[in-house]
Protein backbone atom coordinates (compact mmCIF):
# COMPACT_ATOMS: atom_id res chain seq x y z
CA MET A 1 65.52 -11.38 -11.54
CA THR A 2 65.74 -10.93 -15.04
CA PRO A 3 64.71 -14.39 -16.49
CA PHE A 4 67.43 -16.77 -17.78
CA GLN A 5 68.19 -20.11 -18.64
CA LYS A 6 71.30 -22.05 -17.79
CA LYS A 7 72.74 -25.20 -19.55
CA ASN A 8 75.40 -27.26 -19.63
CA ILE A 9 76.76 -28.09 -23.21
CA ASN A 10 79.02 -30.47 -23.69
CA GLY A 11 80.74 -29.03 -20.52
CA LYS A 12 79.70 -25.66 -21.27
CA SER A 13 77.96 -23.10 -19.92
CA VAL A 14 75.24 -21.77 -21.82
CA TYR A 15 72.78 -18.50 -20.61
CA LEU A 16 69.63 -17.90 -22.94
CA VAL A 17 67.94 -14.40 -22.30
CA GLU A 18 65.34 -13.17 -23.90
CA ASP A 19 66.43 -9.79 -24.85
CA HIS A 20 70.05 -9.38 -25.27
CA HIS A 21 70.72 -6.48 -22.92
CA HIS A 22 69.55 -8.83 -20.18
CA ALA A 23 73.35 -10.49 -20.38
CA LEU A 24 74.44 -8.74 -18.72
CA LEU A 25 73.55 -10.76 -15.63
CA PRO A 26 75.28 -13.82 -16.67
CA TRP A 27 78.35 -11.99 -18.22
CA ALA A 28 78.22 -10.47 -14.79
CA TYR A 29 78.32 -13.75 -12.78
CA GLU A 30 81.13 -15.26 -14.99
CA ARG A 31 83.12 -12.52 -14.79
CA ASP A 32 83.91 -13.36 -10.76
CA ARG A 33 83.66 -17.30 -12.18
CA LEU A 34 86.46 -16.07 -13.62
CA GLY A 35 88.85 -13.93 -11.26
CA ILE A 36 89.61 -11.20 -14.53
CA ALA A 37 86.94 -9.08 -16.88
CA PRO A 38 86.81 -11.27 -20.38
CA HIS A 39 85.93 -10.06 -24.50
CA VAL A 40 83.51 -10.50 -25.65
CA LEU A 41 82.60 -11.61 -29.34
CA THR A 42 79.48 -11.01 -30.47
CA LEU A 43 77.66 -11.72 -33.26
CA ASP A 44 74.37 -9.56 -34.07
CA HIS A 45 72.53 -9.01 -37.18
CA HIS A 46 72.59 -4.48 -35.60
CA THR A 47 73.50 -2.83 -33.22
CA ASP A 48 72.90 0.31 -31.56
CA THR A 49 76.22 0.19 -29.09
CA LEU A 50 76.00 3.62 -27.20
CA PRO A 51 77.27 4.80 -23.81
CA ALA A 52 75.06 3.65 -21.27
CA PHE A 53 72.01 4.92 -20.40
CA THR A 54 72.00 7.66 -23.67
CA HIS A 55 67.78 7.12 -23.96
CA TYR A 56 67.22 7.47 -20.39
CA ASP A 57 69.33 10.27 -20.39
CA GLU A 58 67.93 12.15 -23.63
CA THR A 59 64.35 11.36 -22.10
CA HIS A 60 64.61 13.09 -17.81
CA GLU A 61 66.18 16.06 -17.08
CA LYS A 62 69.01 14.11 -14.64
CA PRO A 63 71.70 11.88 -16.11
CA HIS A 64 71.35 7.83 -15.47
CA GLU A 65 74.75 7.10 -12.52
CA LYS A 66 77.15 5.43 -15.06
CA GLN A 67 78.76 3.62 -12.14
CA ILE A 68 77.03 0.59 -9.88
CA ALA A 69 78.92 0.07 -6.34
CA ASN A 70 79.37 -4.00 -6.85
CA HIS A 71 78.40 -7.19 -9.68
CA GLY A 72 75.21 -8.01 -7.27
CA ALA A 73 72.01 -8.71 -8.86
CA GLU A 74 70.18 -5.61 -6.97
CA ALA A 75 72.60 -3.31 -8.75
CA LEU A 76 72.15 -5.05 -12.45
CA GLU A 77 68.68 -5.32 -11.92
CA ASN A 78 68.65 -1.75 -11.06
CA ALA A 79 70.65 -0.77 -13.57
CA LEU A 80 68.74 -3.08 -16.84
CA LYS A 81 65.85 -1.10 -15.71
CA ASP A 82 67.04 1.93 -17.94
CA LEU A 83 69.61 0.63 -19.98
CA ARG A 84 68.38 0.44 -23.42
CA HIS A 85 69.39 -1.86 -26.92
CA ASP A 86 73.05 -2.67 -27.00
CA GLU A 87 73.93 0.30 -24.16
CA HIS A 88 74.81 -3.00 -21.76
CA PHE A 89 78.08 -3.45 -23.74
CA ASP A 90 79.70 0.06 -22.45
CA PHE A 91 77.35 -0.54 -18.92
CA ALA A 92 79.74 -3.61 -18.48
CA ILE A 93 82.86 -1.84 -20.03
CA ARG A 94 82.58 1.07 -17.58
CA ASN A 95 82.30 -1.08 -14.86
CA GLY A 96 84.81 -3.74 -15.22
CA ILE A 97 82.17 -6.93 -16.31
CA ILE A 98 84.37 -6.61 -19.19
CA ALA A 99 87.50 -5.87 -20.26
CA SER A 100 86.24 -5.36 -24.28
CA ALA A 101 84.47 -6.04 -27.05
CA THR A 102 84.39 -7.01 -30.93
CA ILE A 103 80.42 -6.96 -32.59
CA PHE A 104 80.56 -8.51 -36.26
CA SER A 105 77.31 -7.29 -37.04
CA HIS A 106 74.76 -6.31 -40.16
CA VAL A 107 74.07 -3.52 -39.41
CA ASN A 108 75.48 -0.81 -37.49
CA PHE A 109 73.83 2.43 -36.26
CA SER A 110 76.35 2.64 -33.10
CA ARG A 111 77.59 6.41 -32.17
CA ASP A 112 79.80 7.86 -29.64
CA VAL A 113 81.23 4.02 -29.04
CA ASN A 114 83.46 3.37 -26.36
CA PRO A 115 86.89 2.94 -27.76
CA ALA A 116 87.23 -0.39 -26.03
CA ILE A 117 84.85 -1.49 -28.67
CA ARG A 118 85.20 -3.06 -32.22
CA ILE A 119 82.87 -3.49 -34.78
CA ILE A 120 83.60 -4.56 -37.89
CA HIS A 121 80.10 -4.27 -40.38
CA ASP A 122 80.64 -4.90 -44.07
CA PRO A 123 78.11 -4.48 -45.54
CA PRO A 124 76.52 -6.57 -48.75
CA PRO A 125 77.27 -4.30 -51.95
CA ASP A 126 74.10 -3.55 -52.64
CA ASP A 127 70.22 -4.46 -50.86
CA LYS A 128 69.20 -7.36 -53.93
CA LEU A 129 67.25 -9.93 -52.23
CA GLU A 130 69.83 -12.26 -53.88
CA THR A 131 72.46 -10.41 -52.53
CA LEU A 132 70.91 -10.31 -49.10
CA ALA A 133 70.20 -14.22 -49.58
CA ARG A 134 74.13 -15.15 -50.43
CA TYR A 135 75.46 -12.03 -47.64
CA TYR A 136 73.41 -13.44 -44.85
CA ALA A 137 74.20 -17.48 -45.64
CA ARG A 138 78.25 -16.54 -44.72
CA ALA A 139 77.38 -16.34 -41.19
CA LEU A 140 78.83 -18.77 -39.98
CA GLU A 141 81.41 -19.76 -42.72
CA THR A 142 85.02 -20.00 -41.80
CA GLU A 143 85.92 -17.91 -44.56
CA PHE A 144 83.78 -14.44 -43.28
CA LEU A 145 84.81 -15.53 -39.71
CA SER A 146 88.44 -15.94 -40.22
CA ALA A 147 88.31 -12.50 -42.48
CA ASN A 148 86.42 -10.56 -39.50
CA LEU A 149 88.93 -11.90 -37.20
CA GLU A 150 91.99 -10.42 -39.20
CA ARG A 151 90.65 -6.93 -38.89
CA ALA A 152 89.61 -7.55 -35.24
CA PRO A 153 91.77 -10.48 -33.92
CA LEU A 154 90.89 -11.58 -29.94
CA PRO A 155 93.16 -10.28 -27.01
CA HIS A 156 95.73 -12.61 -26.37
CA GLY A 157 95.48 -14.33 -23.36
CA LEU A 158 91.91 -12.97 -22.10
CA PRO A 159 89.22 -15.21 -21.85
CA PHE A 160 85.85 -14.51 -24.21
CA ILE A 161 82.24 -14.95 -23.92
CA LEU A 162 80.84 -15.97 -27.24
CA ASP A 163 77.17 -14.34 -27.59
CA ILE A 164 75.23 -14.65 -29.86
CA ASP A 165 71.71 -12.90 -30.87
CA LEU A 166 69.54 -14.95 -32.86
CA ASP A 167 68.95 -11.80 -35.62
CA TYR A 168 72.36 -12.00 -37.02
CA PHE A 169 70.74 -15.81 -38.53
CA LYS A 170 68.19 -15.32 -41.71
CA GLY A 171 67.79 -18.30 -42.58
CA GLU A 172 68.47 -22.35 -42.61
CA LYS A 173 71.50 -21.47 -44.65
CA SER A 174 72.75 -18.92 -42.17
CA ILE A 175 72.62 -21.32 -39.61
CA LYS A 176 73.80 -24.75 -41.45
CA PRO A 177 77.53 -23.51 -42.82
CA GLU A 178 78.78 -25.82 -45.65
CA ASP A 179 82.34 -24.63 -43.07
CA SER A 180 82.01 -24.35 -39.78
CA SER A 181 85.47 -25.34 -38.67
CA LEU A 182 86.25 -21.90 -37.04
CA PHE A 183 82.92 -21.33 -35.44
CA ARG A 184 83.36 -24.53 -33.68
CA GLU A 185 86.81 -23.68 -32.63
CA LEU A 186 85.17 -20.63 -31.30
CA ILE A 187 82.48 -22.08 -29.48
CA ARG A 188 85.72 -24.76 -27.87
CA LYS A 189 87.68 -21.90 -26.86
CA SER A 190 85.21 -19.00 -24.97
CA ALA A 191 85.21 -19.22 -21.40
CA VAL A 192 80.87 -19.15 -21.97
CA ILE A 193 78.41 -18.98 -24.61
CA THR A 194 75.22 -16.28 -23.69
CA ILE A 195 72.64 -16.59 -26.88
CA ALA A 196 69.50 -13.90 -26.98
CA ARG A 197 66.34 -14.91 -28.21
CA GLU A 198 65.27 -11.86 -29.28
CA ARG A 199 62.25 -13.61 -30.49
CA ASP A 200 60.20 -10.51 -32.11
CA TRP A 201 63.37 -9.06 -34.02
CA VAL A 202 64.31 -12.57 -35.58
CA ARG A 203 60.75 -12.59 -36.52
CA LEU A 204 61.29 -8.95 -38.44
CA LEU A 205 64.11 -9.46 -39.62
CA ASN A 206 63.69 -13.05 -41.75
CA MET A 207 59.93 -12.62 -43.50
CA ASP A 208 61.99 -12.02 -46.93
CA TYR A 209 63.66 -15.81 -45.61
CA GLY A 210 60.88 -18.24 -45.31
CA LYS A 211 60.09 -16.90 -41.61
CA THR A 212 62.15 -19.22 -40.30
CA PRO A 213 61.41 -19.37 -35.83
CA ASP A 214 63.85 -18.20 -33.80
CA PHE A 215 64.01 -21.80 -32.73
CA ILE A 216 64.99 -23.05 -35.96
CA PHE A 217 67.86 -21.32 -35.09
CA GLU A 218 68.84 -22.41 -31.35
CA ARG A 219 68.18 -25.89 -31.52
CA ASN A 220 70.38 -25.84 -34.41
CA LEU A 221 72.72 -23.50 -32.50
CA LEU A 222 72.51 -25.89 -29.81
CA ARG A 223 73.55 -28.93 -31.23
CA MET A 224 76.91 -27.75 -32.57
CA ILE A 225 77.66 -26.30 -29.93
CA SER A 226 77.11 -30.02 -28.22
CA GLY A 227 79.10 -30.52 -30.91
CA GLN A 228 76.69 -32.47 -33.64
């Protein structure tokens, strides 16, 4: 069984996984609990959303089967063995685990994106350190999230999963917004929250901003979920 932690925080189910694509298991469990395929709103540093099993198909003679017979743990585990990076979004949509997804990303490597996936990618104007520092500090600011949601509103009447990859954060300013009101509203309104630790990417991508360890991001995120 792919490891994950489940916490109940302030009445909200919060799942923590190590690798982002392992969020597929909690998504499937919650989809069955909800009785309807939810939308997923994801915050991620980089998205490489590809059709399911793209990496597998590129290295094997026979293409991988894209459908599974059920949402049981065994079927999902078998699929996860051959899914890479953000291929789980397309897989989840194909198999009725989620209905659609919106991804707010700093960097976009996606191609052949499933039409039910909307990627909002508004990169900084240059790669100067001071520009990047200001850009990443906006990660949870209400003004930044509001502008993104105006471009890609959440589907009306559909429950949503708030899905967060910790490599979205680059320093303590990015996890301690001056105005967190909209982010806290998203927390309250979400059906469930999934958090991918992605320790290696957090370490690699955060080197220019004080090497803030992933547990700082996780701790502050959990505090906001608890209402602090």
